């Protein structure tokens, strides 16, 4: 399918870079377009009717004063949502982060409720060279493509921006079409920043992001969307551990090795192995809980080895009954 600006067919079939990232189907990844449908950049659905993006994506379409009345300025498309489609949006607020002209952010107010759920936000903190994932909309890729990078170095003086250095493995560079995109922590799956500048011409391609903390300073209304750290409910976790160990394939050392081999390499390589079955299973469970979709993937790996035995069906029910807000 070709879009109004000559964009080509979907890139949704391209896999997420294998570093523990979220699945491509997450609908909070949006494409910001002008009123004619031409792609301007990316954005993040942060509430049912709010999209966070880089102000530069809007060009001269944003109100010069944060208190000005919202006006129709762009459309927001949801390529990854089941229903797809586009929703008109107004620039609700536009301001300059950290009191500089570098790294501006904008908040878009949708004319109707979004067809997808919002992203989970989390504070970035110190970058620490952490692996991140970014999804943008380069020309001719209407449904976008994933790129991976590392949040490297400290914050740039004056702007508070954090450098996104190209990863060592060949991958799409964060160039045209990525501005305004959400930056995901590859391990937690939470959005920790917004791409505000690209530098595709550098010898070592890199880009810049503003952390979510900066967005909340400018738009305090986002505070309630920030993912609060939840204490682990040890009761359900130990119950789940006992249910797992009741599955013969988990209790047996050799079949447990097969289960680990079926997990993504970045998960399997992170597990700190233990000398006995209970401690080893605990390490496997804890590691999978640290990765987006890690628990469902562990469940599928166990089922592949165990089959649909009665203990396996009990484990499936046990995982289904875990409260969403209890997940770490």
Protein backbone atom coordinates (compact mmCIF):
# COMPACT_ATOMS: atom_id res chain seq x y z
CA UNK A 1 0.00 0.00 0.00
CA UNK A 2 1.41 3.39 -1.00
CA UNK A 3 0.68 6.45 1.13
CA UNK A 4 0.03 9.99 -0.11
CA UNK A 5 3.70 10.88 0.02
CA UNK A 6 4.76 7.82 -1.92
CA UNK A 7 5.46 5.69 1.12
CA UNK A 8 5.78 2.02 0.32
CA UNK A 9 4.26 -1.10 1.76
CA UNK A 10 4.29 -2.05 5.41
CA UNK A 11 7.45 -2.82 7.31
CA UNK A 12 5.51 -4.44 10.12
CA UNK A 13 6.84 -7.83 9.09
CA UNK A 14 10.37 -6.81 10.01
CA UNK A 15 11.40 -8.27 13.36
CA UNK A 16 12.18 -6.20 16.40
CA UNK A 17 15.97 -6.23 16.92
CA UNK A 18 16.81 -9.23 19.09
CA UNK A 19 17.66 -7.46 22.33
CA UNK A 20 14.64 -8.08 24.51
CA UNK A 21 12.43 -5.43 22.94
CA UNK A 22 8.67 -5.28 22.77
CA UNK A 23 6.65 -6.85 19.98
CA UNK A 24 5.91 -4.87 16.80
CA UNK A 25 2.13 -5.00 17.42
CA UNK A 26 2.12 -2.43 20.24
CA UNK A 27 -0.33 0.23 19.10
CA UNK A 28 1.01 3.22 21.04
CA UNK A 29 3.60 3.86 18.28
CA UNK A 30 2.07 6.59 16.14
CA UNK A 31 2.90 8.32 12.88
CA UNK A 32 2.39 12.09 12.87
CA UNK A 33 1.23 13.46 9.50
CA UNK A 34 0.20 16.81 8.11
CA UNK A 35 -3.44 17.38 7.16
CA UNK A 36 -2.74 16.03 3.67
CA UNK A 37 -1.46 12.74 5.11
CA UNK A 38 2.25 13.26 4.48
CA UNK A 39 4.47 11.84 7.22
CA UNK A 40 6.10 14.42 9.49
CA UNK A 41 7.61 12.09 12.09
CA UNK A 42 6.71 9.80 14.97
CA UNK A 43 5.11 10.10 18.39
CA UNK A 44 4.05 8.22 21.51
CA UNK A 45 0.49 7.74 22.72
CA UNK A 46 0.76 8.67 26.41
CA UNK A 47 -2.94 8.72 27.25
CA UNK A 48 -6.16 7.76 25.49
CA UNK A 49 -6.27 11.16 23.77
CA UNK A 50 -2.74 12.56 24.15
CA UNK A 51 0.37 12.07 21.99
CA UNK A 52 3.87 13.20 22.98
CA UNK A 53 6.25 14.10 20.15
CA UNK A 54 9.06 16.46 19.20
CA UNK A 55 7.85 19.98 18.46
CA UNK A 56 10.01 20.14 15.32
CA UNK A 57 7.83 17.40 13.81
CA UNK A 58 5.06 19.98 13.58
CA UNK A 59 7.08 22.58 11.70
CA UNK A 60 5.19 25.89 11.88
CA UNK A 61 1.92 24.16 12.73
CA UNK A 62 2.12 24.63 16.49
CA UNK A 63 0.74 27.48 18.55
CA UNK A 64 3.48 29.91 19.64
CA UNK A 65 2.09 30.17 23.17
CA UNK A 66 1.41 27.20 25.47
CA UNK A 67 -1.83 28.82 26.66
CA UNK A 68 -3.20 29.39 23.15
CA UNK A 69 -6.38 27.58 22.09
CA UNK A 70 -5.79 24.16 20.51
CA UNK A 71 -6.30 24.09 16.77
CA UNK A 72 -6.34 21.30 14.21
CA UNK A 73 -2.78 20.99 13.00
CA UNK A 74 -1.91 17.39 12.17
CA UNK A 75 -3.33 13.89 11.91
CA UNK A 76 -2.11 10.94 13.96
CA UNK A 77 -2.06 7.48 12.38
CA UNK A 78 -1.89 4.21 14.30
CA UNK A 79 -0.19 1.73 11.93
CA UNK A 80 0.31 -0.88 14.66
CA UNK A 81 -3.22 -0.72 16.08
CA UNK A 82 -5.68 -3.39 15.03
CA UNK A 83 -8.13 -0.89 13.54
CA UNK A 84 -5.44 1.38 12.07
CA UNK A 85 -6.79 4.64 10.73
CA UNK A 86 -5.90 8.23 11.49
CA UNK A 87 -7.27 10.74 13.99
CA UNK A 88 -7.11 14.55 13.66
CA UNK A 89 -5.11 16.19 16.42
CA UNK A 90 -4.58 19.69 17.74
CA UNK A 91 -1.46 21.08 19.36
CA UNK A 92 -2.60 21.18 22.95
CA UNK A 93 0.66 22.57 24.33
CA UNK A 94 4.05 23.34 22.85
CA UNK A 95 6.96 24.54 24.91
CA UNK A 96 10.73 24.42 25.15
CA UNK A 97 12.25 21.83 27.45
CA UNK A 98 14.93 22.88 29.91
CA UNK A 99 14.61 26.54 28.89
CA UNK A 100 16.54 26.14 25.64
CA UNK A 101 15.72 26.00 21.95
CA UNK A 102 17.26 22.54 21.78
CA UNK A 103 15.04 19.54 22.31
CA UNK A 104 11.52 20.93 22.10
CA UNK A 105 8.58 18.70 22.93
CA UNK A 106 4.91 19.00 21.99
CA UNK A 107 1.74 17.43 23.30
CA UNK A 108 -1.03 16.67 20.80
CA UNK A 109 -4.67 16.43 21.79
CA UNK A 110 -6.59 13.90 19.70
CA UNK A 111 -10.03 14.82 18.40
CA UNK A 112 -11.33 11.39 19.49
CA UNK A 113 -10.24 8.45 21.62
CA UNK A 114 -7.32 6.48 20.23
CA UNK A 115 -7.79 2.94 18.85
CA UNK A 116 -4.88 1.69 20.98
CA UNK A 117 -3.63 1.68 24.55
CA UNK A 118 -1.00 4.17 25.78
CA UNK A 119 2.67 3.40 26.30
CA UNK A 120 4.15 2.73 29.70
CA UNK A 121 6.42 5.59 30.73
CA UNK A 122 9.41 5.40 33.07
CA UNK A 123 12.10 7.80 34.18
CA UNK A 124 15.35 7.41 32.27
CA UNK A 125 17.81 8.22 35.05
CA UNK A 126 21.46 7.79 34.16
CA UNK A 127 21.88 6.48 30.58
CA UNK A 128 24.64 4.00 31.46
CA UNK A 129 25.13 2.91 27.84
CA UNK A 130 21.87 0.99 28.07
CA UNK A 131 20.40 -0.72 24.99
CA UNK A 132 17.30 0.96 23.59
CA UNK A 133 14.85 0.48 20.73
CA UNK A 134 13.39 3.21 18.53
CA UNK A 135 10.60 2.88 15.96
CA UNK A 136 10.42 5.48 13.19
CA UNK A 137 8.83 6.07 9.80
CA UNK A 138 11.47 6.62 7.10
CA UNK A 139 10.31 7.43 3.55
CA UNK A 140 8.58 4.57 1.74
CA UNK A 141 7.98 2.62 4.96
CA UNK A 142 4.42 3.56 5.93
CA UNK A 143 4.27 1.24 8.95
CA UNK A 144 7.78 2.00 10.10
CA UNK A 145 10.87 0.12 11.12
CA UNK A 146 12.78 -0.59 14.32
CA UNK A 147 16.29 0.65 14.97
CA UNK A 148 18.44 -0.06 17.96
CA UNK A 149 20.96 2.08 19.74
CA UNK A 150 22.47 2.77 23.13
CA UNK A 151 21.69 5.65 25.44
CA UNK A 152 25.29 6.70 25.94
CA UNK A 153 27.20 9.31 27.88
CA UNK A 154 25.85 12.02 30.13
CA UNK A 155 23.32 14.75 29.42
CA UNK A 156 24.33 17.53 27.03
CA UNK A 157 24.99 20.80 28.93
CA UNK A 158 22.18 23.31 28.56
CA UNK A 159 19.69 21.05 26.81
CA UNK A 160 19.52 17.94 28.99
CA UNK A 161 19.56 15.78 25.83
CA UNK A 162 21.06 12.29 25.88
CA UNK A 163 23.00 10.88 22.94
CA UNK A 164 21.70 7.77 21.19
CA UNK A 165 24.78 6.06 19.77
CA UNK A 166 24.46 3.56 16.93
CA UNK A 167 24.61 -0.03 18.13
CA UNK A 168 27.55 -2.17 17.08
CA UNK A 169 25.35 -4.59 15.13
CA UNK A 170 24.34 -3.32 11.65
CA UNK A 171 20.83 -1.89 11.83
CA UNK A 172 18.77 0.99 10.43
CA UNK A 173 20.14 4.35 11.49
CA UNK A 174 18.00 6.80 13.45
CA UNK A 175 17.60 9.25 10.58
CA UNK A 176 14.74 10.90 8.75
CA UNK A 177 11.35 9.82 10.05
CA UNK A 178 12.50 9.00 13.60
CA UNK A 179 12.08 12.44 15.16
CA UNK A 180 9.42 12.35 17.85
CA UNK A 181 9.72 8.58 18.31
CA UNK A 182 9.62 6.96 21.71
CA UNK A 183 12.87 5.50 23.05
CA UNK A 184 12.28 2.16 24.75
CA UNK A 185 14.47 0.64 27.40
CA UNK A 186 15.18 -2.73 25.77
CA UNK A 187 14.88 -4.62 29.03
CA UNK A 188 11.89 -3.00 30.73
CA UNK A 189 9.86 -2.15 27.62
CA UNK A 190 9.04 1.30 29.05
CA UNK A 191 9.38 4.53 27.06
CA UNK A 192 12.19 6.51 28.69
CA UNK A 193 12.61 9.35 26.19
CA UNK A 194 11.63 11.05 22.94
CA UNK A 195 13.92 11.49 19.90
CA UNK A 196 14.31 15.25 19.34
CA UNK A 197 17.18 15.35 16.83
CA UNK A 198 18.78 13.05 14.28
CA UNK A 199 22.29 13.19 12.86
CA UNK A 200 22.38 10.69 9.99
CA UNK A 201 25.42 12.31 8.34
CA UNK A 202 27.87 11.66 11.16
CA UNK A 203 30.63 9.13 10.60
CA UNK A 204 29.22 7.21 13.57
CA UNK A 205 25.45 7.86 13.22
CA UNK A 206 23.77 9.07 16.36
CA UNK A 207 20.72 10.97 17.51
CA UNK A 208 19.54 12.81 20.62
CA UNK A 209 16.65 12.21 22.97
CA UNK A 210 15.04 14.11 25.80
CA UNK A 211 14.30 11.87 28.80
CA UNK A 212 10.77 11.46 30.10
CA UNK A 213 11.74 13.48 33.18
CA UNK A 214 12.17 16.54 30.91
CA UNK A 215 8.74 15.95 29.36
CA UNK A 216 7.14 15.87 32.79
CA UNK A 217 8.85 19.15 33.74
CA UNK A 218 7.27 20.83 30.73
CA UNK A 219 3.95 18.98 30.85
CA UNK A 220 3.16 18.20 34.53
CA UNK A 221 -0.09 16.51 33.45
CA UNK A 222 2.06 13.54 32.35
CA UNK A 223 3.08 12.81 35.94
CA UNK A 224 0.16 10.43 36.43
CA UNK A 225 1.26 8.44 33.36
CA UNK A 226 4.72 7.79 34.80
CA UNK A 227 5.14 4.12 35.63
CA UNK A 228 5.45 3.94 39.40
CA UNK A 229 7.81 1.31 40.78
CA UNK A 230 5.61 -1.38 42.28
CA UNK A 231 6.81 -3.60 45.12
CA UNK A 232 6.97 -7.27 44.22
CA UNK A 233 4.08 -9.25 45.63
CA UNK A 234 6.05 -12.17 46.89
CA UNK A 235 2.98 -14.30 47.57
CA UNK A 236 1.94 -14.74 43.94
CA UNK A 237 5.54 -15.05 42.78
CA UNK A 238 6.33 -17.94 45.11
CA UNK A 239 3.02 -19.59 44.22
CA UNK A 240 3.99 -19.35 40.56
CA UNK A 241 7.41 -20.85 41.33
CA UNK A 242 5.79 -23.84 43.07
CA UNK A 243 3.40 -24.34 40.15
CA UNK A 244 6.31 -24.28 37.70
CA UNK A 245 8.30 -26.83 39.69
CA UNK A 246 5.27 -29.15 39.65
CA UNK A 247 5.73 -29.42 35.87
CA UNK A 248 8.03 -32.44 35.26
CA UNK A 249 9.90 -30.72 32.40
CA UNK A 250 10.85 -27.87 34.74
CA UNK A 251 11.83 -30.10 37.64
CA UNK A 252 14.14 -32.27 35.49
CA UNK A 253 17.63 -30.83 34.94
CA UNK A 254 18.03 -32.01 31.34
CA UNK A 255 14.63 -30.84 30.10
CA UNK A 256 15.10 -27.54 31.94
CA UNK A 257 18.20 -27.01 29.78
CA UNK A 258 16.06 -27.55 26.69
CA UNK A 259 13.58 -24.95 27.92
CA UNK A 260 16.34 -22.38 28.34
CA UNK A 261 17.61 -23.13 24.83
CA UNK A 262 14.16 -22.26 23.46
CA UNK A 263 14.22 -18.79 25.02
CA UNK A 264 15.52 -15.75 23.17
CA UNK A 265 19.29 -15.66 23.27
CA UNK A 266 19.36 -12.35 25.16
CA UNK A 267 17.17 -13.89 27.89
CA UNK A 268 18.96 -17.23 28.08
CA UNK A 269 22.41 -15.64 28.25
CA UNK A 270 21.30 -13.43 31.16
CA UNK A 271 20.09 -16.22 33.46
CA UNK A 272 22.40 -16.81 36.39
CA UNK A 273 22.27 -20.60 36.77
CA UNK A 274 21.95 -22.21 40.19
CA UNK A 275 22.98 -25.66 41.53
CA UNK A 276 19.56 -27.03 42.46
CA UNK A 277 16.21 -27.16 40.67
CA UNK A 278 14.33 -24.69 42.87
CA UNK A 279 17.00 -21.99 42.85
CA UNK A 280 17.65 -22.52 39.15
CA UNK A 281 13.93 -22.22 38.31
CA UNK A 282 13.73 -19.10 40.49
CA UNK A 283 16.59 -17.53 38.49
CA UNK A 284 14.87 -18.43 35.19
CA UNK A 285 11.55 -16.95 36.34
CA UNK A 286 13.08 -13.75 37.70
CA UNK A 287 15.09 -13.18 34.52
CA UNK A 288 12.08 -13.69 32.24
CA UNK A 289 10.06 -11.23 34.33
CA UNK A 290 12.71 -8.60 33.60
CA UNK A 291 12.06 -8.78 29.83
CA UNK A 292 9.00 -7.57 27.94
CA UNK A 293 6.86 -10.61 27.04
CA UNK A 294 9.41 -12.75 28.88
CA UNK A 295 6.85 -14.64 30.97
CA UNK A 296 4.62 -15.63 28.01
CA UNK A 297 7.72 -16.74 26.13
CA UNK A 298 8.84 -18.87 29.09
CA UNK A 299 5.38 -20.42 29.23
CA UNK A 300 5.53 -21.35 25.54
CA UNK A 301 9.02 -22.83 25.93
CA UNK A 302 7.90 -25.00 28.86
CA UNK A 303 4.82 -26.11 26.94
CA UNK A 304 6.94 -27.04 23.91
CA UNK A 305 8.96 -29.46 26.06
CA UNK A 306 6.24 -30.63 28.45
CA UNK A 307 3.18 -30.78 26.19
CA UNK A 308 -0.35 -30.31 27.50
CA UNK A 309 -0.02 -32.30 30.70
CA UNK A 310 -2.24 -31.61 33.72
CA UNK A 311 0.60 -29.79 35.59
CA UNK A 312 1.23 -27.72 32.44
CA UNK A 313 -2.42 -26.69 32.22
CA UNK A 314 -2.31 -25.70 35.89
CA UNK A 315 0.72 -23.52 35.14
CA UNK A 316 -1.09 -21.85 32.23
CA UNK A 317 -4.02 -21.06 34.51
CA UNK A 318 -1.65 -19.81 37.20
CA UNK A 319 0.03 -17.37 34.83
CA UNK A 320 -3.35 -16.17 33.53
CA UNK A 321 -4.47 -15.40 37.08
CA UNK A 322 -1.48 -13.20 37.92
CA UNK A 323 -2.80 -9.63 38.33
CA UNK A 324 -1.42 -7.26 35.71
CA UNK A 325 -0.59 -4.63 38.35
CA UNK A 326 1.39 -7.22 40.31
CA UNK A 327 3.92 -7.70 37.52
CA UNK A 328 7.31 -6.12 38.25
